[in-house]
Amino acid sequence: MGSNLYNENGHCASAEEQPAPRLIPTKANIENCLKWLVKDCKSGDSLVFYYSGHGLRQPDFENDEIDGFDETICPVDFLKEGMILDNDIYATIVNSLTDGVTLHAIVDACHSGTILDLEQVYDKKRKRWRDNKPPSGVRKQTMGGKAYCISACEDDQVAADTTRWGTC
């Protein structure tokens, strides 16, 4: 992926409609955008990760998910190249956040409740924060920065844009 994917205003964008191959949201392009997002960040930086697309879940083989599933996002080539796991998103853009850096993530996808693998999750029903630490005991933290995520739904839910049942 070429550096001209990023413009002078600090944006990295991918879109299915974009004819340039480097802008198609493939697994490699999305992973490169995630790496770019946190590269050279410093105290005072405010980062935004926005994803609107398909999300799935798959069995967790690392014992780091309370519900036994890894949440994923699905690039356009996921059938061939695979999905991007929450573990990989965490390792790339959450774990590397240094002191004074804030990440704001908005994920509009099915099963996106814990897509960043943050240690605390807001429980809407109980109206309080709940622990989301992995059963394996592995700590999932930043390197001093802060990460916030707004997700379209819980891990066991789907999110869909439809007017099938009427409009609000």
N, C-alpha and C. Protein backbone atom coordinates (compact mmCIF):
# COMPACT_ATOMS: atom_id res chain seq x y z
N MET A 1 0.85 -1.16 0.00
CA MET A 1 0.00 0.00 0.00
C MET A 1 0.89 1.23 0.00
N GLY A 2 0.65 2.13 -0.92
CA GLY A 2 1.48 3.31 -1.06
C GLY A 2 1.15 4.38 -0.04
N SER A 3 2.11 5.28 0.16
CA SER A 3 1.90 6.34 1.13
C SER A 3 0.85 7.34 0.66
N ASN A 4 0.55 7.35 -0.64
CA ASN A 4 -0.45 8.30 -1.12
C ASN A 4 -1.87 7.90 -0.74
N LEU A 5 -2.02 6.79 -0.01
CA LEU A 5 -3.32 6.43 0.54
C LEU A 5 -3.72 7.43 1.62
N TYR A 6 -2.75 8.05 2.24
CA TYR A 6 -2.97 8.98 3.33
C TYR A 6 -2.82 10.39 2.81
N ASN A 7 -3.76 11.24 3.15
CA ASN A 7 -3.64 12.61 2.65
C ASN A 7 -2.93 13.50 3.67
N GLU A 8 -2.71 14.74 3.28
CA GLU A 8 -1.95 15.66 4.11
C GLU A 8 -2.68 16.05 5.39
N ASN A 9 -3.96 15.75 5.50
CA ASN A 9 -4.72 16.08 6.70
C ASN A 9 -4.72 14.96 7.73
N GLY A 10 -3.96 13.91 7.48
CA GLY A 10 -3.86 12.82 8.44
C GLY A 10 -5.00 11.83 8.38
N HIS A 11 -5.56 11.61 7.21
CA HIS A 11 -6.65 10.65 7.06
C HIS A 11 -6.20 9.44 6.29
N CYS A 12 -6.70 8.30 6.68
CA CYS A 12 -6.50 7.06 5.93
C CYS A 12 -7.89 6.55 5.61
N ALA A 13 -8.17 6.32 4.35
CA ALA A 13 -9.52 5.92 3.98
C ALA A 13 -9.51 4.72 3.06
N SER A 14 -10.49 3.87 3.24
CA SER A 14 -10.72 2.76 2.33
C SER A 14 -12.21 2.74 2.01
N ALA A 15 -12.53 2.40 0.79
CA ALA A 15 -13.93 2.30 0.38
C ALA A 15 -14.05 1.32 -0.76
N GLU A 16 -15.11 0.51 -0.72
CA GLU A 16 -15.32 -0.47 -1.77
C GLU A 16 -15.50 0.19 -3.13
N GLU A 17 -16.08 1.37 -3.18
CA GLU A 17 -16.37 2.03 -4.44
C GLU A 17 -15.13 2.66 -5.07
N GLN A 18 -14.07 2.82 -4.31
CA GLN A 18 -12.85 3.46 -4.80
C GLN A 18 -12.14 2.55 -5.79
N PRO A 19 -11.85 3.02 -7.00
CA PRO A 19 -11.24 2.16 -8.00
C PRO A 19 -9.76 1.85 -7.75
N ALA A 20 -9.05 2.67 -7.02
CA ALA A 20 -7.63 2.41 -6.77
C ALA A 20 -7.48 1.21 -5.85
N PRO A 21 -6.73 0.19 -6.26
CA PRO A 21 -6.58 -1.03 -5.46
C PRO A 21 -6.11 -0.79 -4.03
N ARG A 22 -5.27 0.20 -3.83
CA ARG A 22 -4.73 0.46 -2.49
C ARG A 22 -5.79 1.01 -1.53
N LEU A 23 -6.95 1.42 -2.07
CA LEU A 23 -8.01 1.97 -1.23
C LEU A 23 -9.14 0.99 -0.97
N ILE A 24 -9.11 -0.16 -1.59
CA ILE A 24 -10.14 -1.17 -1.37
C ILE A 24 -9.93 -1.77 0.03
N PRO A 25 -10.99 -1.92 0.83
CA PRO A 25 -10.82 -2.40 2.20
C PRO A 25 -10.51 -3.90 2.29
N THR A 26 -9.36 -4.28 1.78
CA THR A 26 -8.89 -5.65 1.91
C THR A 26 -8.28 -5.83 3.29
N LYS A 27 -8.01 -7.06 3.65
CA LYS A 27 -7.40 -7.32 4.95
C LYS A 27 -6.06 -6.60 5.07
N ALA A 28 -5.23 -6.71 4.05
CA ALA A 28 -3.91 -6.06 4.09
C ALA A 28 -4.04 -4.55 4.19
N ASN A 29 -4.94 -3.95 3.42
CA ASN A 29 -5.10 -2.49 3.46
C ASN A 29 -5.63 -2.01 4.81
N ILE A 30 -6.60 -2.72 5.37
CA ILE A 30 -7.13 -2.33 6.69
C ILE A 30 -6.04 -2.47 7.75
N GLU A 31 -5.31 -3.58 7.73
CA GLU A 31 -4.23 -3.76 8.71
C GLU A 31 -3.17 -2.67 8.57
N ASN A 32 -2.85 -2.29 7.35
CA ASN A 32 -1.89 -1.20 7.15
C ASN A 32 -2.43 0.13 7.66
N CYS A 33 -3.71 0.38 7.47
CA CYS A 33 -4.32 1.61 8.00
C CYS A 33 -4.28 1.63 9.53
N LEU A 34 -4.53 0.48 10.15
CA LEU A 34 -4.47 0.40 11.62
C LEU A 34 -3.06 0.71 12.12
N LYS A 35 -2.07 0.15 11.46
CA LYS A 35 -0.67 0.43 11.84
C LYS A 35 -0.34 1.90 11.65
N TRP A 36 -0.80 2.47 10.53
CA TRP A 36 -0.56 3.87 10.25
C TRP A 36 -1.19 4.77 11.32
N LEU A 37 -2.38 4.39 11.77
CA LEU A 37 -3.11 5.21 12.74
C LEU A 37 -2.29 5.48 14.00
N VAL A 38 -1.58 4.48 14.49
CA VAL A 38 -0.85 4.64 15.75
C VAL A 38 0.64 4.93 15.57
N LYS A 39 1.10 4.88 14.33
CA LYS A 39 2.52 5.13 14.07
C LYS A 39 2.87 6.56 14.44
N ASP A 40 3.92 6.72 15.21
CA ASP A 40 4.44 8.03 15.58
C ASP A 40 3.46 8.89 16.39
N CYS A 41 2.46 8.27 17.03
CA CYS A 41 1.55 9.09 17.84
C CYS A 41 2.29 9.54 19.10
N LYS A 42 1.86 10.68 19.61
CA LYS A 42 2.52 11.26 20.78
C LYS A 42 1.49 11.87 21.72
N SER A 43 1.92 12.20 22.91
CA SER A 43 1.03 12.77 23.92
C SER A 43 0.27 13.96 23.34
N GLY A 44 -1.03 13.98 23.59
CA GLY A 44 -1.89 15.03 23.07
C GLY A 44 -2.63 14.63 21.81
N ASP A 45 -2.22 13.53 21.19
CA ASP A 45 -2.90 13.07 19.98
C ASP A 45 -4.24 12.43 20.31
N SER A 46 -5.22 12.69 19.48
CA SER A 46 -6.53 12.08 19.59
C SER A 46 -6.78 11.34 18.28
N LEU A 47 -6.88 10.02 18.36
CA LEU A 47 -7.01 9.17 17.18
C LEU A 47 -8.45 8.71 17.03
N VAL A 48 -8.90 8.55 15.79
CA VAL A 48 -10.25 8.04 15.53
C VAL A 48 -10.15 6.86 14.58
N PHE A 49 -10.76 5.75 15.00
CA PHE A 49 -10.90 4.58 14.14
C PHE A 49 -12.39 4.38 13.93
N TYR A 50 -12.82 4.41 12.67
CA TYR A 50 -14.23 4.21 12.34
C TYR A 50 -14.33 3.05 11.37
N TYR A 51 -15.18 2.10 11.69
CA TYR A 51 -15.40 0.96 10.80
C TYR A 51 -16.90 0.74 10.68
N SER A 52 -17.38 0.67 9.45
CA SER A 52 -18.76 0.32 9.19
C SER A 52 -18.74 -0.77 8.14
N GLY A 53 -19.15 -1.95 8.55
CA GLY A 53 -19.10 -3.10 7.64
C GLY A 53 -19.55 -4.35 8.35
N HIS A 54 -19.15 -5.47 7.81
CA HIS A 54 -19.57 -6.75 8.38
C HIS A 54 -18.69 -7.14 9.56
N GLY A 55 -19.32 -7.76 10.55
CA GLY A 55 -18.62 -8.31 11.69
C GLY A 55 -19.15 -9.70 11.98
N LEU A 56 -18.28 -10.57 12.42
CA LEU A 56 -18.66 -11.94 12.77
C LEU A 56 -17.98 -12.31 14.08
N ARG A 57 -18.17 -13.53 14.49
CA ARG A 57 -17.45 -14.07 15.65
C ARG A 57 -17.03 -15.48 15.32
N GLN A 58 -15.97 -15.91 15.97
CA GLN A 58 -15.47 -17.27 15.76
C GLN A 58 -14.99 -17.81 17.09
N PRO A 59 -14.90 -19.13 17.23
CA PRO A 59 -14.45 -19.71 18.49
C PRO A 59 -13.09 -19.16 18.91
N ASP A 60 -12.95 -18.91 20.21
CA ASP A 60 -11.72 -18.40 20.80
C ASP A 60 -10.83 -19.57 21.18
N PHE A 61 -9.64 -19.63 20.63
CA PHE A 61 -8.72 -20.73 20.92
C PHE A 61 -7.61 -20.31 21.88
N GLU A 62 -7.61 -19.05 22.33
CA GLU A 62 -6.55 -18.56 23.21
C GLU A 62 -7.02 -18.34 24.64
N ASN A 63 -8.27 -18.68 24.94
CA ASN A 63 -8.84 -18.50 26.28
C ASN A 63 -8.70 -17.06 26.78
N ASP A 64 -8.94 -16.12 25.86
CA ASP A 64 -8.87 -14.72 26.27
C ASP A 64 -10.20 -13.99 26.07
N GLU A 65 -11.27 -14.75 25.90
CA GLU A 65 -12.59 -14.16 25.72
C GLU A 65 -13.56 -14.75 26.74
N ILE A 66 -14.25 -13.91 27.47
CA ILE A 66 -15.21 -14.36 28.49
C ILE A 66 -16.31 -15.21 27.87
N ASP A 67 -16.78 -14.81 26.68
CA ASP A 67 -17.88 -15.53 26.04
C ASP A 67 -17.43 -16.70 25.17
N GLY A 68 -16.12 -16.93 25.08
CA GLY A 68 -15.60 -18.04 24.29
C GLY A 68 -15.50 -17.78 22.80
N PHE A 69 -15.72 -16.52 22.39
CA PHE A 69 -15.65 -16.16 20.97
C PHE A 69 -14.76 -14.95 20.75
N ASP A 70 -14.01 -14.98 19.66
CA ASP A 70 -13.30 -13.79 19.18
C ASP A 70 -14.24 -13.04 18.26
N GLU A 71 -14.31 -11.73 18.44
CA GLU A 71 -15.11 -10.90 17.55
C GLU A 71 -14.20 -10.48 16.39
N THR A 72 -14.79 -10.28 15.22
CA THR A 72 -13.98 -9.98 14.03
C THR A 72 -14.63 -8.91 13.17
N ILE A 73 -13.81 -8.28 12.34
CA ILE A 73 -14.34 -7.48 11.25
C ILE A 73 -13.97 -8.21 9.96
N CYS A 74 -14.79 -8.01 8.94
CA CYS A 74 -14.66 -8.77 7.70
C CYS A 74 -14.27 -7.88 6.53
N PRO A 75 -13.02 -7.90 6.14
CA PRO A 75 -12.61 -7.16 4.94
C PRO A 75 -13.29 -7.76 3.71
N VAL A 76 -13.23 -7.06 2.59
CA VAL A 76 -13.90 -7.55 1.39
C VAL A 76 -13.33 -8.89 0.91
N ASP A 77 -12.10 -9.19 1.27
CA ASP A 77 -11.46 -10.44 0.84
C ASP A 77 -11.37 -11.48 1.97
N PHE A 78 -12.26 -11.38 2.97
CA PHE A 78 -12.13 -12.25 4.15
C PHE A 78 -12.30 -13.73 3.83
N LEU A 79 -13.05 -14.08 2.80
CA LEU A 79 -13.21 -15.50 2.46
C LEU A 79 -11.88 -16.11 2.01
N LYS A 80 -11.04 -15.31 1.41
CA LYS A 80 -9.73 -15.78 0.94
C LYS A 80 -8.63 -15.51 1.97
N GLU A 81 -8.61 -14.30 2.54
CA GLU A 81 -7.51 -13.88 3.41
C GLU A 81 -7.81 -14.00 4.91
N GLY A 82 -9.07 -14.17 5.25
CA GLY A 82 -9.44 -14.29 6.66
C GLY A 82 -9.93 -12.98 7.25
N MET A 83 -10.54 -13.11 8.42
CA MET A 83 -11.08 -11.95 9.13
C MET A 83 -9.98 -11.30 9.96
N ILE A 84 -10.26 -10.10 10.44
CA ILE A 84 -9.35 -9.42 11.35
C ILE A 84 -9.92 -9.60 12.75
N LEU A 85 -9.17 -10.31 13.60
CA LEU A 85 -9.63 -10.64 14.95
C LEU A 85 -9.52 -9.46 15.90
N ASP A 86 -10.39 -9.47 16.91
CA ASP A 86 -10.30 -8.45 17.96
C ASP A 86 -8.92 -8.48 18.62
N ASN A 87 -8.32 -9.65 18.76
CA ASN A 87 -6.97 -9.75 19.35
C ASN A 87 -5.96 -8.93 18.54
N ASP A 88 -6.09 -9.00 17.21
CA ASP A 88 -5.16 -8.28 16.34
C ASP A 88 -5.41 -6.78 16.36
N ILE A 89 -6.68 -6.39 16.42
CA ILE A 89 -7.01 -4.97 16.52
C ILE A 89 -6.45 -4.42 17.83
N TYR A 90 -6.68 -5.16 18.92
CA TYR A 90 -6.14 -4.75 20.22
C TYR A 90 -4.62 -4.59 20.16
N ALA A 91 -3.95 -5.61 19.64
CA ALA A 91 -2.48 -5.60 19.60
C ALA A 91 -1.95 -4.44 18.75
N THR A 92 -2.68 -4.07 17.73
CA THR A 92 -2.20 -3.03 16.82
C THR A 92 -2.52 -1.63 17.29
N ILE A 93 -3.76 -1.36 17.69
CA ILE A 93 -4.12 0.04 17.99
C ILE A 93 -4.42 0.35 19.45
N VAL A 94 -4.62 -0.65 20.29
CA VAL A 94 -4.92 -0.37 21.70
C VAL A 94 -3.66 -0.53 22.55
N ASN A 95 -3.03 -1.66 22.47
CA ASN A 95 -1.87 -1.95 23.30
C ASN A 95 -0.76 -0.91 23.14
N SER A 96 -0.61 -0.35 21.96
CA SER A 96 0.50 0.57 21.69
C SER A 96 0.23 2.02 22.10
N LEU A 97 -0.95 2.31 22.65
CA LEU A 97 -1.27 3.69 23.02
C LEU A 97 -0.42 4.14 24.21
N THR A 98 0.38 5.17 23.99
CA THR A 98 1.25 5.68 25.05
C THR A 98 0.55 6.78 25.84
N ASP A 99 1.15 7.16 26.95
CA ASP A 99 0.60 8.17 27.84
C ASP A 99 0.22 9.44 27.08
N GLY A 100 -0.99 9.91 27.29
CA GLY A 100 -1.45 11.14 26.67
C GLY A 100 -2.11 10.97 25.32
N VAL A 101 -2.13 9.74 24.79
CA VAL A 101 -2.78 9.48 23.51
C VAL A 101 -4.15 8.87 23.77
N THR A 102 -5.16 9.35 23.06
CA THR A 102 -6.52 8.85 23.23
C THR A 102 -7.03 8.31 21.91
N LEU A 103 -7.58 7.10 21.96
CA LEU A 103 -8.19 6.47 20.80
C LEU A 103 -9.70 6.46 20.98
N HIS A 104 -10.41 6.93 19.96
CA HIS A 104 -11.87 6.88 19.92
C HIS A 104 -12.22 5.95 18.77
N ALA A 105 -12.90 4.86 19.06
CA ALA A 105 -13.29 3.91 18.02
C ALA A 105 -14.81 3.86 17.93
N ILE A 106 -15.30 3.87 16.71
CA ILE A 106 -16.73 3.70 16.43
C ILE A 106 -16.82 2.53 15.49
N VAL A 107 -17.47 1.46 15.93
CA VAL A 107 -17.53 0.24 15.12
C VAL A 107 -19.00 -0.12 14.89
N ASP A 108 -19.43 0.06 13.66
CA ASP A 108 -20.80 -0.23 13.24
C ASP A 108 -20.79 -1.57 12.52
N ALA A 109 -20.82 -2.63 13.32
CA ALA A 109 -20.75 -3.99 12.77
C ALA A 109 -21.42 -4.96 13.73
N CYS A 110 -21.90 -6.05 13.20
CA CYS A 110 -22.45 -7.11 14.06
C CYS A 110 -21.36 -7.62 15.00
N HIS A 111 -21.76 -8.05 16.19
CA HIS A 111 -20.86 -8.68 17.17
C HIS A 111 -19.69 -7.77 17.58
N SER A 112 -19.91 -6.47 17.61
CA SER A 112 -18.80 -5.54 17.84
C SER A 112 -18.65 -5.05 19.28
N GLY A 113 -19.39 -5.62 20.21
CA GLY A 113 -19.39 -5.14 21.59
C GLY A 113 -18.02 -5.02 22.23
N THR A 114 -17.18 -6.02 22.06
CA THR A 114 -15.84 -5.98 22.66
C THR A 114 -14.76 -6.08 21.59
N ILE A 115 -14.98 -5.47 20.45
CA ILE A 115 -14.07 -5.58 19.31
C ILE A 115 -12.67 -5.04 19.61
N LEU A 116 -12.52 -4.16 20.59
CA LEU A 116 -11.19 -3.67 20.96
C LEU A 116 -10.57 -4.45 22.12
N ASP A 117 -11.30 -5.40 22.67
CA ASP A 117 -10.82 -6.17 23.82
C ASP A 117 -10.42 -5.28 25.00
N LEU A 118 -11.22 -4.27 25.27
CA LEU A 118 -10.94 -3.39 26.41
C LEU A 118 -11.27 -4.11 27.71
N GLU A 119 -10.60 -3.73 28.80
CA GLU A 119 -10.79 -4.41 30.08
C GLU A 119 -12.09 -4.05 30.77
N GLN A 120 -12.70 -2.95 30.42
CA GLN A 120 -13.97 -2.54 31.01
C GLN A 120 -14.99 -2.32 29.90
N VAL A 121 -16.22 -2.78 30.12
CA VAL A 121 -17.31 -2.64 29.16
C VAL A 121 -18.52 -2.11 29.91
N TYR A 122 -19.24 -1.17 29.30
CA TYR A 122 -20.43 -0.64 29.95
C TYR A 122 -21.59 -1.61 29.78
N ASP A 123 -22.22 -1.97 30.89
CA ASP A 123 -23.37 -2.87 30.89
C ASP A 123 -24.62 -1.99 30.92
N LYS A 124 -25.28 -1.87 29.78
CA LYS A 124 -26.44 -0.98 29.66
C LYS A 124 -27.59 -1.42 30.56
N LYS A 125 -27.80 -2.72 30.69
CA LYS A 125 -28.91 -3.22 31.51
C LYS A 125 -28.71 -2.87 32.98
N ARG A 126 -27.50 -3.06 33.47
CA ARG A 126 -27.20 -2.79 34.89
C ARG A 126 -26.75 -1.35 35.13
N LYS A 127 -26.54 -0.62 34.06
CA LYS A 127 -26.12 0.78 34.13
C LYS A 127 -24.84 0.96 34.94
N ARG A 128 -23.86 0.13 34.62
CA ARG A 128 -22.55 0.25 35.28
C ARG A 128 -21.49 -0.44 34.42
N TRP A 129 -20.24 -0.13 34.73
CA TRP A 129 -19.13 -0.76 34.03
C TRP A 129 -18.92 -2.16 34.58
N ARG A 130 -18.57 -3.09 33.69
CA ARG A 130 -18.28 -4.45 34.14
C ARG A 130 -16.89 -4.86 33.65
N ASP A 131 -16.32 -5.78 34.38
CA ASP A 131 -14.99 -6.29 34.08
C ASP A 131 -15.03 -7.15 32.82
N ASN A 132 -14.08 -6.97 31.94
CA ASN A 132 -13.98 -7.77 30.72
C ASN A 132 -12.58 -8.38 30.59
N LYS A 133 -11.94 -8.62 31.74
CA LYS A 133 -10.59 -9.18 31.71
C LYS A 133 -10.63 -10.62 31.24
N PRO A 134 -9.65 -11.03 30.44
CA PRO A 134 -9.64 -12.39 29.88
C PRO A 134 -9.55 -13.47 30.95
N PRO A 135 -10.22 -14.62 30.72
CA PRO A 135 -10.14 -15.72 31.67
C PRO A 135 -8.73 -16.25 31.83
N SER A 136 -7.90 -16.08 30.82
CA SER A 136 -6.52 -16.58 30.87
C SER A 136 -5.67 -15.81 31.87
N GLY A 137 -6.16 -14.65 32.30
CA GLY A 137 -5.41 -13.83 33.24
C GLY A 137 -4.47 -12.85 32.57
N VAL A 138 -4.34 -12.90 31.26
CA VAL A 138 -3.48 -11.98 30.53
C VAL A 138 -4.07 -10.58 30.62
N ARG A 139 -3.24 -9.62 30.98
CA ARG A 139 -3.70 -8.23 31.09
C ARG A 139 -3.77 -7.61 29.70
N LYS A 140 -4.86 -6.95 29.41
CA LYS A 140 -5.00 -6.26 28.13
C LYS A 140 -5.16 -4.78 28.43
N GLN A 141 -4.06 -4.07 28.36
CA GLN A 141 -4.06 -2.65 28.67
C GLN A 141 -3.32 -1.88 27.60
N THR A 142 -3.36 -0.56 27.73
CA THR A 142 -2.56 0.31 26.87
C THR A 142 -1.21 0.52 27.55
N MET A 143 -0.35 1.26 26.89
CA MET A 143 0.93 1.63 27.49
C MET A 143 0.80 3.01 28.13
N GLY A 144 -0.38 3.29 28.70
CA GLY A 144 -0.62 4.55 29.38
C GLY A 144 -1.67 5.43 28.74
N GLY A 145 -2.02 5.14 27.49
CA GLY A 145 -3.03 5.93 26.79
C GLY A 145 -4.44 5.50 27.18
N LYS A 146 -5.42 6.12 26.54
CA LYS A 146 -6.83 5.79 26.81
C LYS A 146 -7.50 5.34 25.52
N ALA A 147 -8.39 4.37 25.66
CA ALA A 147 -9.14 3.87 24.50
C ALA A 147 -10.61 3.80 24.86
N TYR A 148 -11.44 4.32 23.96
CA TYR A 148 -12.89 4.29 24.11
C TYR A 148 -13.48 3.70 22.84
N CYS A 149 -14.53 2.91 23.00
CA CYS A 149 -15.16 2.30 21.83
C CYS A 149 -16.68 2.40 21.94
N ILE A 150 -17.30 2.87 20.88
CA ILE A 150 -18.75 2.85 20.75
C ILE A 150 -19.06 1.79 19.71
N SER A 151 -19.79 0.77 20.12
CA SER A 151 -20.10 -0.35 19.23
C SER A 151 -21.58 -0.36 18.89
N ALA A 152 -21.89 -0.92 17.73
CA ALA A 152 -23.28 -0.97 17.27
C ALA A 152 -24.13 -1.92 18.10
N CYS A 153 -23.51 -2.93 18.70
CA CYS A 153 -24.29 -3.92 19.44
C CYS A 153 -23.39 -4.74 20.36
N GLU A 154 -23.99 -5.62 21.12
CA GLU A 154 -23.26 -6.53 21.99
C GLU A 154 -22.59 -7.63 21.15
N ASP A 155 -21.70 -8.37 21.78
CA ASP A 155 -20.99 -9.45 21.08
C ASP A 155 -21.93 -10.51 20.52
N ASP A 156 -23.03 -10.77 21.20
CA ASP A 156 -23.94 -11.83 20.76
C ASP A 156 -25.11 -11.30 19.92
N GLN A 157 -25.00 -10.06 19.46
CA GLN A 157 -26.08 -9.44 18.69
C GLN A 157 -25.63 -9.10 17.27
N VAL A 158 -26.63 -8.89 16.42
CA VAL A 158 -26.35 -8.40 15.07
C VAL A 158 -26.88 -6.98 14.96
N ALA A 159 -26.29 -6.23 14.06
CA ALA A 159 -26.72 -4.85 13.80
C ALA A 159 -26.99 -4.75 12.31
N ALA A 160 -28.16 -4.26 11.96
CA ALA A 160 -28.49 -4.19 10.54
C ALA A 160 -29.26 -2.92 10.24
N ASP A 161 -28.99 -2.35 9.09
CA ASP A 161 -29.76 -1.22 8.59
C ASP A 161 -30.88 -1.78 7.73
N THR A 162 -32.10 -1.60 8.18
CA THR A 162 -33.22 -2.13 7.43
C THR A 162 -34.48 -1.34 7.74
N THR A 163 -35.40 -1.37 6.83
CA THR A 163 -36.73 -0.79 7.09
C THR A 163 -37.77 -1.89 7.05
N ARG A 164 -37.33 -3.12 7.16
CA ARG A 164 -38.23 -4.27 7.09
C ARG A 164 -39.35 -4.19 8.12
N TRP A 165 -39.04 -3.74 9.32
CA TRP A 165 -40.03 -3.70 10.39
C TRP A 165 -40.53 -2.27 10.62
N GLY A 166 -40.38 -1.41 9.65
CA GLY A 166 -40.83 -0.03 9.78
C GLY A 166 -39.67 0.90 10.07
N THR A 167 -39.97 2.16 10.20
CA THR A 167 -38.95 3.15 10.48
C THR A 167 -39.21 3.78 11.84
N CYS A 168 -38.18 4.34 12.41
CA CYS A 168 -38.31 5.00 13.72
C CYS A 168 -38.67 6.45 13.54
